[in-house]
Protein backbone atom coordinates (compact mmCIF):
# COMPACT_ATOMS: atom_id res chain seq x y z
CA UNK A 1 17.50 313.72 175.59
CA UNK A 2 18.23 313.77 179.32
CA UNK A 3 16.40 315.52 182.12
CA UNK A 4 18.95 317.40 184.21
CA UNK A 5 18.53 318.71 187.77
CA UNK A 6 20.54 321.89 188.18
CA UNK A 7 21.16 323.26 191.69
CA UNK A 8 22.82 326.59 192.48
CA UNK A 9 22.07 329.48 194.82
CA UNK A 10 22.90 332.00 192.08
CA UNK A 11 19.87 332.47 189.84
CA UNK A 12 22.00 334.02 187.08
CA UNK A 13 24.04 330.82 186.87
CA UNK A 14 20.86 328.73 186.83
CA UNK A 15 19.43 330.79 184.00
CA UNK A 16 22.50 330.77 181.77
CA UNK A 17 23.36 327.10 182.26
CA UNK A 18 19.76 325.95 181.87
CA UNK A 19 19.38 327.98 178.67
CA UNK A 20 22.53 326.40 177.23
CA UNK A 21 21.39 322.89 178.15
CA UNK A 22 17.87 323.46 176.78
CA UNK A 23 19.37 324.76 173.53
CA UNK A 24 21.08 321.36 173.22
CA UNK A 25 17.70 319.63 173.63
CA UNK A 26 17.81 318.69 177.31
CA UNK A 27 15.00 319.19 179.79
CA UNK A 28 16.23 321.12 182.84
CA UNK A 29 14.74 321.42 186.32
CA UNK A 30 16.31 324.22 188.35
CA UNK A 31 16.53 324.58 192.12
CA UNK A 32 18.04 327.31 194.30
CA UNK A 33 18.05 325.08 197.38
CA UNK A 34 19.64 321.64 197.67
CA UNK A 35 16.97 320.39 200.07
CA UNK A 36 14.22 321.22 197.56
CA UNK A 37 16.15 319.46 194.81
CA UNK A 38 16.29 316.28 196.88
CA UNK A 39 12.63 316.40 197.97
């Protein structure tokens, strides 16, 4: 499946959304800072 970059400053959102996406078989990379996500 897809690799998804997930960016949000709320770690609770990152955790819940990434868990849902991983349960569907996706690989998820999480970032709390937009600049780090683009690096």
